[in-house]
């Protein structure tokens, strides 16, 4: 396993606390379990979807929460009444999966369909933060000019 030391980055940057904590969490989470499996896809220019395989979970068993740019999806199934399995291959264990969201990314909705949980996300940048074009105007005719004789000034 590789280990990265970001301390030189911390000493030479100011105001990048969120980026630093994100880098730290990525290196810490490298050994986390991969259950349940999920996909992250881009469905449009500013639209995304997280699809998570949650077979056996009902809507009431799942919880979705967004807090401080972190999307948390958790699942906890009620224990079945005295099931006598000969083989149990469908995983139904509890889970909690966290996704770090970029600024201005919001959860647009969620739906459970055929054992897949779809969480739709949209990036909405406020108008005041969007780039805007600034027109360049020419200097008005008859503006101030400096007159002088360069040959006289050089003597």
Protein backbone atom coordinates (compact mmCIF):
# COMPACT_ATOMS: atom_id res chain seq x y z
CA UNK A 1 0.00 0.00 0.00
CA UNK A 2 1.27 3.43 -0.88
CA UNK A 3 1.32 6.24 1.61
CA UNK A 4 1.50 9.87 0.58
CA UNK A 5 2.81 12.71 2.70
CA UNK A 6 0.92 15.93 2.01
CA UNK A 7 2.53 17.97 4.79
CA UNK A 8 4.66 20.10 2.37
CA UNK A 9 1.40 21.06 0.63
CA UNK A 10 -0.12 22.12 3.95
CA UNK A 11 2.83 24.37 4.78
CA UNK A 12 2.70 26.29 1.50
CA UNK A 13 -1.02 26.86 0.92
CA UNK A 14 -3.63 29.04 2.57
CA UNK A 15 -7.39 28.62 2.24
CA UNK A 16 -7.36 25.14 0.71
CA UNK A 17 -8.59 23.36 3.83
CA UNK A 18 -11.39 21.55 2.00
CA UNK A 19 -9.01 20.23 -0.66
CA UNK A 20 -6.56 19.08 1.99
CA UNK A 21 -9.21 17.22 3.96
CA UNK A 22 -10.46 15.64 0.71
CA UNK A 23 -6.95 14.38 -0.10
CA UNK A 24 -6.62 13.01 3.43
CA UNK A 25 -9.97 11.21 3.23
CA UNK A 26 -9.07 9.63 -0.13
CA UNK A 27 -5.87 8.16 1.28
CA UNK A 28 -7.68 6.96 4.43
CA UNK A 29 -10.57 5.39 2.52
CA UNK A 30 -8.36 3.39 0.15
CA UNK A 31 -8.84 0.22 2.22
CA UNK A 32 -12.59 0.59 2.74
CA UNK A 33 -14.93 -2.22 1.72
CA UNK A 34 -16.53 -2.01 -1.70
CA UNK A 35 -20.06 -3.03 -0.62
CA UNK A 36 -22.47 -2.15 -2.09
CA UNK A 37 -21.22 -1.72 -5.64
CA UNK A 38 -22.06 1.57 -7.34
CA UNK A 39 -21.62 3.57 -10.55
CA UNK A 40 -21.12 7.30 -10.99
CA UNK A 41 -22.15 8.57 -14.40
CA UNK A 42 -22.45 11.90 -16.14
CA UNK A 43 -25.91 12.21 -17.67
CA UNK A 44 -25.63 15.78 -18.99
CA UNK A 45 -23.39 18.81 -18.99
CA UNK A 46 -24.25 19.59 -15.35
CA UNK A 47 -26.07 16.38 -14.37
CA UNK A 48 -24.75 13.28 -12.63
CA UNK A 49 -26.20 10.05 -11.29
CA UNK A 50 -25.00 7.66 -8.62
CA UNK A 51 -26.48 4.19 -9.08
CA UNK A 52 -26.05 1.77 -6.19
CA UNK A 53 -26.96 -1.94 -6.13
CA UNK A 54 -29.14 -2.40 -3.04
CA UNK A 55 -30.95 -5.66 -3.78
CA UNK A 56 -33.13 -6.73 -0.87
CA UNK A 57 -33.40 -3.25 0.66
CA UNK A 58 -36.75 -1.48 0.79
CA UNK A 59 -37.18 2.30 0.65
CA UNK A 60 -37.72 2.32 4.41
CA UNK A 61 -34.36 0.55 4.92
CA UNK A 62 -32.40 3.30 3.13
CA UNK A 63 -31.45 6.80 4.29
CA UNK A 64 -29.94 9.57 2.16
CA UNK A 65 -28.50 12.69 3.79
CA UNK A 66 -26.48 15.67 2.56
CA UNK A 67 -24.47 17.68 5.05
CA UNK A 68 -21.59 20.07 4.30
CA UNK A 69 -20.98 18.79 0.74
CA UNK A 70 -20.99 15.14 1.86
CA UNK A 71 -23.68 12.82 0.51
CA UNK A 72 -24.24 9.85 2.83
CA UNK A 73 -26.23 6.83 1.74
CA UNK A 74 -26.91 4.28 4.47
CA UNK A 75 -28.82 1.03 4.50
CA UNK A 76 -29.95 -1.13 7.40
CA UNK A 77 -32.29 -4.06 6.83
CA UNK A 78 -34.53 -5.46 9.48
CA UNK A 79 -33.56 -8.97 10.50
CA UNK A 80 -35.75 -11.59 8.80
CA UNK A 81 -37.81 -13.83 11.04
CA UNK A 82 -35.93 -17.08 11.66
CA UNK A 83 -34.90 -17.81 8.10
CA UNK A 84 -33.32 -21.23 7.62
CA UNK A 85 -30.93 -20.62 4.73
CA UNK A 86 -29.15 -23.52 3.10
CA UNK A 87 -27.07 -20.93 1.23
CA UNK A 88 -27.19 -17.16 1.53
CA UNK A 89 -25.51 -15.42 -1.39
CA UNK A 90 -27.45 -12.16 -1.37
CA UNK A 91 -25.64 -9.73 0.87
CA UNK A 92 -27.97 -7.82 3.14
CA UNK A 93 -25.54 -6.37 5.62
CA UNK A 94 -25.78 -2.78 6.76
CA UNK A 95 -23.70 -0.21 4.95
CA UNK A 96 -22.83 3.46 4.87
CA UNK A 97 -21.28 5.02 1.79
CA UNK A 98 -20.09 8.64 1.62
CA UNK A 99 -19.52 10.78 -1.46
CA UNK A 100 -17.75 14.14 -1.39
CA UNK A 101 -19.71 16.63 -3.50
CA UNK A 102 -18.17 19.61 -5.25
CA UNK A 103 -19.40 23.12 -4.49
CA UNK A 104 -22.85 23.90 -5.92
CA UNK A 105 -23.73 20.22 -6.51
CA UNK A 106 -27.19 19.42 -5.17
CA UNK A 107 -29.22 16.24 -4.86
CA UNK A 108 -32.05 16.51 -7.38
CA UNK A 109 -33.90 13.34 -6.37
CA UNK A 110 -33.62 9.64 -5.62
CA UNK A 111 -35.58 6.57 -6.65
CA UNK A 112 -35.44 2.84 -6.00
CA UNK A 113 -36.03 0.73 -9.10
CA UNK A 114 -35.40 -3.01 -9.63
CA UNK A 115 -32.94 -3.26 -6.75
CA UNK A 116 -30.98 -0.19 -7.87
CA UNK A 117 -30.96 3.11 -6.00
CA UNK A 118 -30.56 6.05 -8.38
CA UNK A 119 -29.50 9.39 -6.86
CA UNK A 120 -29.62 12.27 -9.34
CA UNK A 121 -27.30 15.22 -8.83
CA UNK A 122 -27.14 18.58 -10.57
CA UNK A 123 -24.48 21.29 -10.52
CA UNK A 124 -26.11 24.72 -10.22
CA UNK A 125 -23.62 27.55 -10.28
CA UNK A 126 -25.12 30.87 -9.11
CA UNK A 127 -25.26 33.59 -11.77
CA UNK A 128 -22.84 35.82 -9.87
CA UNK A 129 -20.19 33.07 -9.98
CA UNK A 130 -20.56 32.25 -13.67
CA UNK A 131 -17.99 33.74 -16.03
CA UNK A 132 -19.19 36.81 -17.87
CA UNK A 133 -17.84 38.65 -20.86
CA UNK A 134 -16.59 42.19 -20.35
CA UNK A 135 -16.84 44.42 -23.40
CA UNK A 136 -13.78 46.49 -24.25
CA UNK A 137 -14.51 50.01 -25.36
CA UNK A 138 -12.19 52.23 -27.37
CA UNK A 139 -10.82 55.43 -25.85
CA UNK A 140 -13.13 58.32 -26.62
CA UNK A 141 -12.07 60.54 -29.52
CA UNK A 142 -10.74 63.89 -28.35
CA UNK A 143 -9.41 62.47 -25.10
CA UNK A 144 -6.35 63.90 -23.38
CA UNK A 145 -3.06 63.54 -25.20
CA UNK A 146 0.39 64.50 -24.11
CA UNK A 147 2.12 66.78 -26.52
CA UNK A 148 5.78 67.47 -26.60
CA UNK A 149 8.83 67.37 -28.71
CA UNK A 150 10.93 64.27 -28.09
CA UNK A 151 13.95 65.81 -29.78
CA UNK A 152 13.89 68.78 -27.38
CA UNK A 153 13.52 66.56 -24.32
CA UNK A 154 16.47 64.40 -25.32
CA UNK A 155 18.91 67.38 -25.49
